[in-house]
């Protein structure tokens, strides 16, 4: 890992800025790593591999000839933590503009200034989803009086996530934004394969279930405790389209324009092709 001299000022700027936040620095660096992973700069697995290798090199520089045996586990974990922080600063400064670092810092600080109007420091329509989730979850955890001041920001973020991940149909979004909170959306996100929307049937099921779980004193037949959905995962639309393209199945996409008799005639062949895909 080369540290060319012309990268050092950027790394130093990040390090000096983080030294101003001795408590929040850990949280800021976690956000920085999320940004690195989300942008594809490095995978989490490769990053942790680099951390381990750099930590072992540091042991040898400190005179340990058998580093995995000579150092107590507690010291090794501390060494890994320090190395992880240093590599976070280095990779972020090396690969991303300083404005991205400032945006991460502002987003962490945004919800911690009591008595001030909270202004989003990023455009939710353009921000990466990890940043939207992190900011919205911070807002959700605020005391009620502070949360009231950011409720409009919170709803804006949730609408962007609903449109990007579930559905962009205005009627659906108009209802979903009143019932889904960011933790509901996080649960869907964590169970989603691919990057596309999860589809209308899954979207409708999740929204209906959420509505049924809400307490209503006037409901003559409360059924929330009796309605459950399967432990579900969601296939994004892009994965489905990749499956269709890879198996040359788009030739069957005109079925809705055929007569019932034609559809029933074609069905066994189509079913077989999908099963073999």
C-alpha atoms as a PDB file:
ATOM      1  CA  UNK A   1       0.000   0.000   0.000  1.00  0.00           C
ATOM      2  CA  UNK A   2       1.810   3.091  -1.225  1.00  0.00           C
ATOM      3  CA  UNK A   3       1.251   6.420   0.510  1.00  0.00           C
ATOM      4  CA  UNK A   4       2.418   8.910  -2.132  1.00  0.00           C
ATOM      5  CA  UNK A   5       3.271  12.315  -0.693  1.00  0.00           C
ATOM      6  CA  UNK A   6       0.561  14.115  -2.672  1.00  0.00           C
ATOM      7  CA  UNK A   7      -2.134  12.141  -0.847  1.00  0.00           C
ATOM      8  CA  UNK A   8      -0.848  12.932   2.625  1.00  0.00           C
ATOM      9  CA  UNK A   9      -2.409  16.436   2.909  1.00  0.00           C
ATOM     10  CA  UNK A  10      -5.903  15.001   2.245  1.00  0.00           C
ATOM     11  CA  UNK A  11      -5.396  12.242   4.805  1.00  0.00           C
ATOM     12  CA  UNK A  12      -4.062  14.746   7.318  1.00  0.00           C
ATOM     13  CA  UNK A  13      -7.057  17.028   6.767  1.00  0.00           C
ATOM     14  CA  UNK A  14      -9.408  14.141   7.554  1.00  0.00           C
ATOM     15  CA  UNK A  15      -7.406  13.104  10.607  1.00  0.00           C
ATOM     16  CA  UNK A  16      -7.230  16.630  12.028  1.00  0.00           C
ATOM     17  CA  UNK A  17     -10.947  17.203  11.498  1.00  0.00           C
ATOM     18  CA  UNK A  18     -11.832  13.944  13.243  1.00  0.00           C
ATOM     19  CA  UNK A  19      -9.620  14.881  16.197  1.00  0.00           C
ATOM     20  CA  UNK A  20     -12.159  17.648  16.915  1.00  0.00           C
ATOM     21  CA  UNK A  21     -14.792  14.987  17.632  1.00  0.00           C
ATOM     22  CA  UNK A  22     -13.200  12.536  20.086  1.00  0.00           C
ATOM     23  CA  UNK A  23     -16.508  10.833  20.908  1.00  0.00           C
ATOM     24  CA  UNK A  24     -18.252  10.979  17.539  1.00  0.00           C
ATOM     25  CA  UNK A  25     -15.144  10.076  15.525  1.00  0.00           C
ATOM     26  CA  UNK A  26     -15.914   6.369  15.758  1.00  0.00           C
ATOM     27  CA  UNK A  27     -19.437   6.892  14.414  1.00  0.00           C
ATOM     28  CA  UNK A  28     -18.176   9.192  11.670  1.00  0.00           C
ATOM     29  CA  UNK A  29     -15.593   6.663  10.564  1.00  0.00           C
ATOM     30  CA  UNK A  30     -18.231   3.923  10.491  1.00  0.00           C
ATOM     31  CA  UNK A  31     -20.225   6.131   8.112  1.00  0.00           C
ATOM     32  CA  UNK A  32     -17.089   6.710   6.041  1.00  0.00           C
ATOM     33  CA  UNK A  33     -16.605   2.956   5.674  1.00  0.00           C
ATOM     34  CA  UNK A  34     -20.243   2.537   4.664  1.00  0.00           C
ATOM     35  CA  UNK A  35     -19.658   5.127   1.966  1.00  0.00           C
ATOM     36  CA  UNK A  36     -16.544   3.335   0.713  1.00  0.00           C
ATOM     37  CA  UNK A  37     -18.413   0.027   0.523  1.00  0.00           C
ATOM     38  CA  UNK A  38     -21.549   1.550  -1.014  1.00  0.00           C
ATOM     39  CA  UNK A  39     -19.561   3.290  -3.764  1.00  0.00           C
ATOM     40  CA  UNK A  40     -17.651   0.137  -4.599  1.00  0.00           C
ATOM     41  CA  UNK A  41     -14.254   1.610  -3.684  1.00  0.00           C
ATOM     42  CA  UNK A  42     -13.465  -1.558  -1.734  1.00  0.00           C
ATOM     43  CA  UNK A  43     -15.477  -4.470  -0.402  1.00  0.00           C
ATOM     44  CA  UNK A  44     -15.917  -4.913   3.324  1.00  0.00           C
ATOM     45  CA  UNK A  45     -14.148  -8.275   3.129  1.00  0.00           C
ATOM     46  CA  UNK A  46     -11.123  -6.793   1.335  1.00  0.00           C
ATOM     47  CA  UNK A  47     -11.005  -3.858   3.732  1.00  0.00           C
ATOM     48  CA  UNK A  48     -10.930  -6.126   6.781  1.00  0.00           C
ATOM     49  CA  UNK A  49      -8.253  -8.252   5.087  1.00  0.00           C
ATOM     50  CA  UNK A  50      -6.141  -5.109   4.576  1.00  0.00           C
ATOM     51  CA  UNK A  51      -6.689  -4.105   8.210  1.00  0.00           C
ATOM     52  CA  UNK A  52      -5.443  -7.473   9.416  1.00  0.00           C
ATOM     53  CA  UNK A  53      -2.369  -7.434   7.174  1.00  0.00           C
ATOM     54  CA  UNK A  54      -1.467  -3.883   8.181  1.00  0.00           C
ATOM     55  CA  UNK A  55      -1.884  -4.790  11.856  1.00  0.00           C
ATOM     56  CA  UNK A  56       0.474  -7.760  11.472  1.00  0.00           C
ATOM     57  CA  UNK A  57       3.064  -5.539   9.766  1.00  0.00           C
ATOM     58  CA  UNK A  58       2.820  -3.086  12.658  1.00  0.00           C
ATOM     59  CA  UNK A  59       3.482  -5.922  15.138  1.00  0.00           C
ATOM     60  CA  UNK A  60       6.687  -6.850  13.338  1.00  0.00           C
ATOM     61  CA  UNK A  61       7.809  -3.212  13.311  1.00  0.00           C
ATOM     62  CA  UNK A  62       7.322  -3.186  17.082  1.00  0.00           C
ATOM     63  CA  UNK A  63       9.635  -6.164  17.499  1.00  0.00           C
ATOM     64  CA  UNK A  64       7.247  -9.120  17.691  1.00  0.00           C
ATOM     65  CA  UNK A  65       8.807 -12.058  15.868  1.00  0.00           C
ATOM     66  CA  UNK A  66       5.770 -14.318  16.344  1.00  0.00           C
ATOM     67  CA  UNK A  67       2.929 -11.765  16.323  1.00  0.00           C
ATOM     68  CA  UNK A  68      -0.047 -14.113  16.516  1.00  0.00           C
ATOM     69  CA  UNK A  69       1.359 -15.762  19.669  1.00  0.00           C
ATOM     70  CA  UNK A  70       3.276 -13.049  21.508  1.00  0.00           C
ATOM     71  CA  UNK A  71       0.519 -10.420  21.739  1.00  0.00           C
ATOM     72  CA  UNK A  72      -2.445 -10.842  24.159  1.00  0.00           C
ATOM     73  CA  UNK A  73      -5.870 -10.974  22.536  1.00  0.00           C
ATOM     74  CA  UNK A  74      -6.919  -7.669  24.127  1.00  0.00           C
ATOM     75  CA  UNK A  75      -3.913  -5.847  22.660  1.00  0.00           C
ATOM     76  CA  UNK A  76      -4.507  -7.453  19.257  1.00  0.00           C
ATOM     77  CA  UNK A  77      -8.105  -6.232  19.208  1.00  0.00           C
ATOM     78  CA  UNK A  78      -6.961  -2.750  20.200  1.00  0.00           C
ATOM     79  CA  UNK A  79      -4.345  -2.837  17.442  1.00  0.00           C
ATOM     80  CA  UNK A  80      -6.975  -3.875  14.900  1.00  0.00           C
ATOM     81  CA  UNK A  81      -9.243  -1.032  15.991  1.00  0.00           C
ATOM     82  CA  UNK A  82      -6.521   1.602  15.656  1.00  0.00           C
ATOM     83  CA  UNK A  83      -5.421   0.210  12.299  1.00  0.00           C
ATOM     84  CA  UNK A  84      -9.028   0.152  11.065  1.00  0.00           C
ATOM     85  CA  UNK A  85      -9.374   3.849  11.881  1.00  0.00           C
ATOM     86  CA  UNK A  86      -6.144   4.757  10.097  1.00  0.00           C
ATOM     87  CA  UNK A  87      -7.060   2.802   6.969  1.00  0.00           C
ATOM     88  CA  UNK A  88     -10.539   4.325   6.964  1.00  0.00           C
ATOM     89  CA  UNK A  89      -9.005   7.806   6.827  1.00  0.00           C
ATOM     90  CA  UNK A  90      -6.497   6.769   4.182  1.00  0.00           C
ATOM     91  CA  UNK A  91      -8.884   5.011   1.792  1.00  0.00           C
ATOM     92  CA  UNK A  92     -11.524   7.724   2.096  1.00  0.00           C
ATOM     93  CA  UNK A  93      -9.077  10.572   1.465  1.00  0.00           C
ATOM     94  CA  UNK A  94      -7.400   8.669  -1.359  1.00  0.00           C
ATOM     95  CA  UNK A  95     -10.563   7.780  -3.270  1.00  0.00           C
ATOM     96  CA  UNK A  96     -13.303  10.314  -2.451  1.00  0.00           C
ATOM     97  CA  UNK A  97     -13.513  14.119  -2.521  1.00  0.00           C
ATOM     98  CA  UNK A  98     -13.161  16.022   0.714  1.00  0.00           C
ATOM     99  CA  UNK A  99     -16.705  17.342   0.222  1.00  0.00           C
ATOM    100  CA  UNK A 100     -17.970  13.779   0.725  1.00  0.00           C
ATOM    101  CA  UNK A 101     -16.149  13.619   4.054  1.00  0.00           C
ATOM    102  CA  UNK A 102     -17.633  16.954   5.149  1.00  0.00           C
ATOM    103  CA  UNK A 103     -21.094  15.699   4.210  1.00  0.00           C
ATOM    104  CA  UNK A 104     -20.655  12.601   6.381  1.00  0.00           C
ATOM    105  CA  UNK A 105     -19.530  14.754   9.323  1.00  0.00           C
ATOM    106  CA  UNK A 106     -22.472  17.131   8.921  1.00  0.00           C
ATOM    107  CA  UNK A 107     -24.948  14.272   8.730  1.00  0.00           C
ATOM    108  CA  UNK A 108     -23.691  12.809  12.028  1.00  0.00           C
ATOM    109  CA  UNK A 109     -23.737  16.194  13.739  1.00  0.00           C
ATOM    110  CA  UNK A 110     -27.072  17.295  12.301  1.00  0.00           C
ATOM    111  CA  UNK A 111     -29.326  15.736  14.926  1.00  0.00           C
ATOM    112  CA  UNK A 112     -27.169  16.657  17.942  1.00  0.00           C
ATOM    113  CA  UNK A 113     -27.661  20.427  18.096  1.00  0.00           C
ATOM    114  CA  UNK A 114     -30.602  21.140  20.420  1.00  0.00           C
ATOM    115  CA  UNK A 115     -32.663  24.269  19.860  1.00  0.00           C
ATOM    116  CA  UNK A 116     -31.489  24.765  16.290  1.00  0.00           C
ATOM    117  CA  UNK A 117     -33.410  24.154  13.115  1.00  0.00           C
ATOM    118  CA  UNK A 118     -32.106  20.956  11.557  1.00  0.00           C
ATOM    119  CA  UNK A 119     -31.295  21.363   7.887  1.00  0.00           C
ATOM    120  CA  UNK A 120     -30.450  18.368   5.722  1.00  0.00           C
ATOM    121  CA  UNK A 121     -26.939  18.780   4.405  1.00  0.00           C
ATOM    122  CA  UNK A 122     -27.571  16.527   1.406  1.00  0.00           C
ATOM    123  CA  UNK A 123     -30.190  16.062  -1.274  1.00  0.00           C
ATOM    124  CA  UNK A 124     -32.180  12.911  -0.388  1.00  0.00           C
ATOM    125  CA  UNK A 125     -32.949  12.328  -4.064  1.00  0.00           C
ATOM    126  CA  UNK A 126     -29.238  12.008  -4.826  1.00  0.00           C
ATOM    127  CA  UNK A 127     -27.777  10.641  -1.594  1.00  0.00           C
ATOM    128  CA  UNK A 128     -26.784   6.968  -1.233  1.00  0.00           C
ATOM    129  CA  UNK A 129     -29.303   4.840   0.610  1.00  0.00           C
ATOM    130  CA  UNK A 130     -26.939   4.023   3.472  1.00  0.00           C
ATOM    131  CA  UNK A 131     -26.828   7.754   4.275  1.00  0.00           C
ATOM    132  CA  UNK A 132     -30.622   8.063   4.091  1.00  0.00           C
ATOM    133  CA  UNK A 133     -31.101   5.145   6.475  1.00  0.00           C
ATOM    134  CA  UNK A 134     -28.460   6.387   8.905  1.00  0.00           C
ATOM    135  CA  UNK A 135     -29.892   9.912   9.021  1.00  0.00           C
ATOM    136  CA  UNK A 136     -33.516   8.766   9.302  1.00  0.00           C
ATOM    137  CA  UNK A 137     -32.695   6.318  12.088  1.00  0.00           C
ATOM    138  CA  UNK A 138     -30.987   9.120  14.024  1.00  0.00           C
ATOM    139  CA  UNK A 139     -34.097  11.271  13.592  1.00  0.00           C
ATOM    140  CA  UNK A 140     -36.378   8.422  14.722  1.00  0.00           C
ATOM    141  CA  UNK A 141     -34.442   8.022  17.968  1.00  0.00           C
ATOM    142  CA  UNK A 142     -34.683  11.688  18.956  1.00  0.00           C
ATOM    143  CA  UNK A 143     -36.848  12.711  21.948  1.00  0.00           C
ATOM    144  CA  UNK A 144     -40.374  13.618  20.852  1.00  0.00           C
ATOM    145  CA  UNK A 145     -39.915  17.406  21.053  1.00  0.00           C
ATOM    146  CA  UNK A 146     -36.795  17.274  18.868  1.00  0.00           C
ATOM    147  CA  UNK A 147     -38.300  14.722  16.534  1.00  0.00           C
ATOM    148  CA  UNK A 148     -41.189  17.073  15.783  1.00  0.00           C
ATOM    149  CA  UNK A 149     -38.704  19.573  14.338  1.00  0.00           C
ATOM    150  CA  UNK A 150     -37.330  17.059  11.833  1.00  0.00           C
ATOM    151  CA  UNK A 151     -40.529  15.168  10.994  1.00  0.00           C
ATOM    152  CA  UNK A 152     -40.730  16.755   7.539  1.00  0.00           C
ATOM    153  CA  UNK A 153     -37.153  15.672   6.786  1.00  0.00           C
ATOM    154  CA  UNK A 154     -37.916  12.194   8.069  1.00  0.00           C
ATOM    155  CA  UNK A 155     -40.940  11.842   5.818  1.00  0.00           C
ATOM    156  CA  UNK A 156     -39.012  13.154   2.825  1.00  0.00           C
ATOM    157  CA  UNK A 157     -36.334  10.493   3.330  1.00  0.00           C
ATOM    158  CA  UNK A 158     -38.936   7.737   3.749  1.00  0.00           C
ATOM    159  CA  UNK A 159     -40.697   8.791   0.532  1.00  0.00           C
ATOM    160  CA  UNK A 160     -37.400   8.631  -1.404  1.00  0.00           C
ATOM    161  CA  UNK A 161     -36.732   5.137  -0.035  1.00  0.00           C
ATOM    162  CA  UNK A 162     -40.286   3.943  -0.774  1.00  0.00           C
ATOM    163  CA  UNK A 163     -40.094   5.205  -4.352  1.00  0.00           C
ATOM    164  CA  UNK A 164     -36.676   3.696  -4.953  1.00  0.00           C
ATOM    165  CA  UNK A 165     -37.139   0.368  -3.239  1.00  0.00           C
ATOM    166  CA  UNK A 166     -40.848  -0.485  -3.277  1.00  0.00           C
ATOM    167  CA  UNK A 167     -43.011   1.489  -5.701  1.00  0.00           C
ATOM    168  CA  UNK A 168     -43.123   4.878  -7.393  1.00  0.00           C
ATOM    169  CA  UNK A 169     -46.893   4.772  -8.012  1.00  0.00           C
ATOM    170  CA  UNK A 170     -48.248   7.960  -6.469  1.00  0.00           C
ATOM    171  CA  UNK A 171     -51.328   6.334  -4.924  1.00  0.00           C
ATOM    172  CA  UNK A 172     -49.213   3.695  -3.200  1.00  0.00           C
ATOM    173  CA  UNK A 173     -46.594   6.213  -2.008  1.00  0.00           C
ATOM    174  CA  UNK A 174     -49.327   8.481  -0.650  1.00  0.00           C
ATOM    175  CA  UNK A 175     -50.628   5.696   1.594  1.00  0.00           C
ATOM    176  CA  UNK A 176     -47.300   4.021   2.403  1.00  0.00           C
ATOM    177  CA  UNK A 177     -45.645   7.194   3.710  1.00  0.00           C
ATOM    178  CA  UNK A 178     -48.321   7.398   6.415  1.00  0.00           C
ATOM    179  CA  UNK A 179     -47.667   3.883   7.698  1.00  0.00           C
ATOM    180  CA  UNK A 180     -44.058   2.819   6.991  1.00  0.00           C
ATOM    181  CA  UNK A 181     -41.299   4.157   9.233  1.00  0.00           C
ATOM    182  CA  UNK A 182     -37.613   3.901   8.458  1.00  0.00           C
ATOM    183  CA  UNK A 183     -37.234   0.705  10.518  1.00  0.00           C
ATOM    184  CA  UNK A 184     -39.906  -1.005   8.383  1.00  0.00           C
ATOM    185  CA  UNK A 185     -38.018   0.095   5.290  1.00  0.00           C
ATOM    186  CA  UNK A 186     -34.700  -1.068   6.740  1.00  0.00           C
ATOM    187  CA  UNK A 187     -36.209  -4.518   7.335  1.00  0.00           C
ATOM    188  CA  UNK A 188     -37.275  -4.723   3.685  1.00  0.00           C
ATOM    189  CA  UNK A 189     -33.893  -3.444   2.515  1.00  0.00           C
ATOM    190  CA  UNK A 190     -31.993  -6.014   4.575  1.00  0.00           C
ATOM    191  CA  UNK A 191     -34.111  -8.829   3.070  1.00  0.00           C
ATOM    192  CA  UNK A 192     -33.860  -7.697  -0.554  1.00  0.00           C
ATOM    193  CA  UNK A 193     -31.754  -9.315  -3.269  1.00  0.00           C
ATOM    194  CA  UNK A 194     -30.644  -7.045  -6.091  1.00  0.00           C
ATOM    195  CA  UNK A 195     -31.187  -3.335  -6.562  1.00  0.00           C
ATOM    196  CA  UNK A 196     -34.574  -3.072  -8.249  1.00  0.00           C
ATOM    197  CA  UNK A 197     -37.996  -2.569  -6.704  1.00  0.00           C
ATOM    198  CA  UNK A 198     -39.474  -5.541  -4.868  1.00  0.00           C
ATOM    199  CA  UNK A 199     -42.667  -5.723  -6.951  1.00  0.00           C
ATOM    200  CA  UNK A 200     -46.331  -4.854  -6.549  1.00  0.00           C
ATOM    201  CA  UNK A 201     -47.503  -8.018  -4.809  1.00  0.00           C
ATOM    202  CA  UNK A 202     -44.777  -7.894  -2.157  1.00  0.00           C
ATOM    203  CA  UNK A 203     -45.304  -4.140  -1.733  1.00  0.00           C
ATOM    204  CA  UNK A 204     -49.029  -4.581  -1.225  1.00  0.00           C
ATOM    205  CA  UNK A 205     -48.535  -7.429   1.226  1.00  0.00           C
ATOM    206  CA  UNK A 206     -46.071  -5.456   3.366  1.00  0.00           C
ATOM    207  CA  UNK A 207     -48.239  -2.351   3.419  1.00  0.00           C
ATOM    208  CA  UNK A 208     -51.428  -4.274   4.228  1.00  0.00           C
ATOM    209  CA  UNK A 209     -49.685  -6.115   7.047  1.00  0.00           C
ATOM    210  CA  UNK A 210     -48.324  -2.871   8.487  1.00  0.00           C
ATOM    211  CA  UNK A 211     -51.787  -1.278   8.453  1.00  0.00           C
ATOM    212  CA  UNK A 212     -53.354  -4.312  10.117  1.00  0.00           C
ATOM    213  CA  UNK A 213     -50.797  -4.135  12.924  1.00  0.00           C
ATOM    214  CA  UNK A 214     -51.840  -0.628  13.921  1.00  0.00           C
ATOM    215  CA  UNK A 215     -54.076  -0.307  16.945  1.00  0.00           C
ATOM    216  CA  UNK A 216     -57.593   1.065  16.396  1.00  0.00           C
ATOM    217  CA  UNK A 217     -59.832   1.472  19.465  1.00  0.00           C
ATOM    218  CA  UNK A 218     -62.930   1.642  17.243  1.00  0.00           C
ATOM    219  CA  UNK A 219     -62.175  -1.588  15.425  1.00  0.00           C
ATOM    220  CA  UNK A 220     -64.903  -4.091  16.391  1.00  0.00           C
ATOM    221  CA  UNK A 221     -62.717  -7.001  15.341  1.00  0.00           C
ATOM    222  CA  UNK A 222     -59.031  -6.416  16.200  1.00  0.00           C
ATOM    223  CA  UNK A 223     -57.090  -8.959  14.192  1.00  0.00           C
ATOM    224  CA  UNK A 224     -53.523  -7.676  14.432  1.00  0.00           C
ATOM    225  CA  UNK A 225     -52.452 -10.559  16.661  1.00  0.00           C
ATOM    226  CA  UNK A 226     -53.920 -13.106  14.264  1.00  0.00           C
ATOM    227  CA  UNK A 227     -52.451 -11.870  10.963  1.00  0.00           C
ATOM    228  CA  UNK A 228     -48.880 -12.798  10.136  1.00  0.00           C
ATOM    229  CA  UNK A 229     -46.810 -12.965   6.982  1.00  0.00           C
ATOM    230  CA  UNK A 230     -44.161 -15.563   6.146  1.00  0.00           C
ATOM    231  CA  UNK A 231     -40.533 -14.856   6.946  1.00  0.00           C
ATOM    232  CA  UNK A 232     -39.914 -13.195   3.600  1.00  0.00           C
ATOM    233  CA  UNK A 233     -37.099 -12.124   1.333  1.00  0.00           C
ATOM    234  CA  UNK A 234     -37.578 -10.023  -1.777  1.00  0.00           C
ATOM    235  CA  UNK A 235     -36.169 -10.391  -5.276  1.00  0.00           C
ATOM    236  CA  UNK A 236     -35.480  -7.032  -6.880  1.00  0.00           C
ATOM    237  CA  UNK A 237     -36.823  -6.359 -10.360  1.00  0.00           C
ATOM    238  CA  UNK A 238     -33.295  -6.205 -11.801  1.00  0.00           C
ATOM    239  CA  UNK A 239     -32.620  -9.791 -10.691  1.00  0.00           C
ATOM    240  CA  UNK A 240     -35.838 -10.961 -12.338  1.00  0.00           C
ATOM    241  CA  UNK A 241     -34.970  -9.150 -15.573  1.00  0.00           C
ATOM    242  CA  UNK A 242     -31.484 -10.664 -15.526  1.00  0.00           C
ATOM    243  CA  UNK A 243     -33.065 -14.109 -15.140  1.00  0.00           C
ATOM    244  CA  UNK A 244     -35.398 -13.422 -18.073  1.00  0.00           C
ATOM    245  CA  UNK A 245     -32.595 -12.137 -20.302  1.00  0.00           C
ATOM    246  CA  UNK A 246     -30.115 -14.886 -19.431  1.00  0.00           C
ATOM    247  CA  UNK A 247     -32.683 -17.590 -20.245  1.00  0.00           C
ATOM    248  CA  UNK A 248     -34.135 -15.802 -23.304  1.00  0.00           C
ATOM    249  CA  UNK A 249     -37.622 -15.692 -21.779  1.00  0.00           C
ATOM    250  CA  UNK A 250     -38.681 -12.243 -22.967  1.00  0.00           C
ATOM    251  CA  UNK A 251     -40.260 -13.876 -26.017  1.00  0.00           C
ATOM    252  CA  UNK A 252     -43.098 -14.905 -23.715  1.00  0.00           C
ATOM    253  CA  UNK A 253     -43.798 -11.377 -22.466  1.00  0.00           C
ATOM    254  CA  UNK A 254     -46.750 -10.830 -24.824  1.00  0.00           C
ATOM    255  CA  UNK A 255     -49.125 -13.246 -23.057  1.00  0.00           C
ATOM    256  CA  UNK A 256     -51.514 -10.579 -21.769  1.00  0.00           C
ATOM    257  CA  UNK A 257     -52.377  -9.641 -25.351  1.00  0.00           C
ATOM    258  CA  UNK A 258     -53.451 -13.172 -26.274  1.00  0.00           C
ATOM    259  CA  UNK A 259     -56.810 -14.851 -25.937  1.00  0.00           C
ATOM    260  CA  UNK A 260     -57.531 -17.134 -22.991  1.00  0.00           C
ATOM    261  CA  UNK A 261     -57.337 -20.179 -25.265  1.00  0.00           C
ATOM    262  CA  UNK A 262     -53.901 -19.145 -26.595  1.00  0.00           C
ATOM    263  CA  UNK A 263     -52.617 -18.505 -23.075  1.00  0.00           C
ATOM    264  CA  UNK A 264     -53.778 -21.909 -21.839  1.00  0.00           C
ATOM    265  CA  UNK A 265     -52.219 -23.587 -24.879  1.00  0.00           C
ATOM    266  CA  UNK A 266     -48.854 -21.871 -24.345  1.00  0.00           C
ATOM    267  CA  UNK A 267     -48.762 -22.323 -20.558  1.00  0.00           C
ATOM    268  CA  UNK A 268     -47.154 -25.810 -20.308  1.00  0.00           C
ATOM    269  CA  UNK A 269     -44.252 -24.780 -22.562  1.00  0.00           C
ATOM    270  CA  UNK A 270     -43.692 -21.477 -20.749  1.00  0.00           C
ATOM    271  CA  UNK A 271     -43.794 -23.160 -17.354  1.00  0.00           C
ATOM    272  CA  UNK A 272     -41.223 -25.705 -18.448  1.00  0.00           C
ATOM    273  CA  UNK A 273     -38.839 -23.015 -19.759  1.00  0.00           C
ATOM    274  CA  UNK A 274     -39.065 -21.086 -16.490  1.00  0.00           C
ATOM    275  CA  UNK A 275     -38.409 -24.230 -14.427  1.00  0.00           C
ATOM    276  CA  UNK A 276     -35.351 -25.002 -16.532  1.00  0.00           C
ATOM    277  CA  UNK A 277     -34.043 -21.409 -16.302  1.00  0.00           C
END
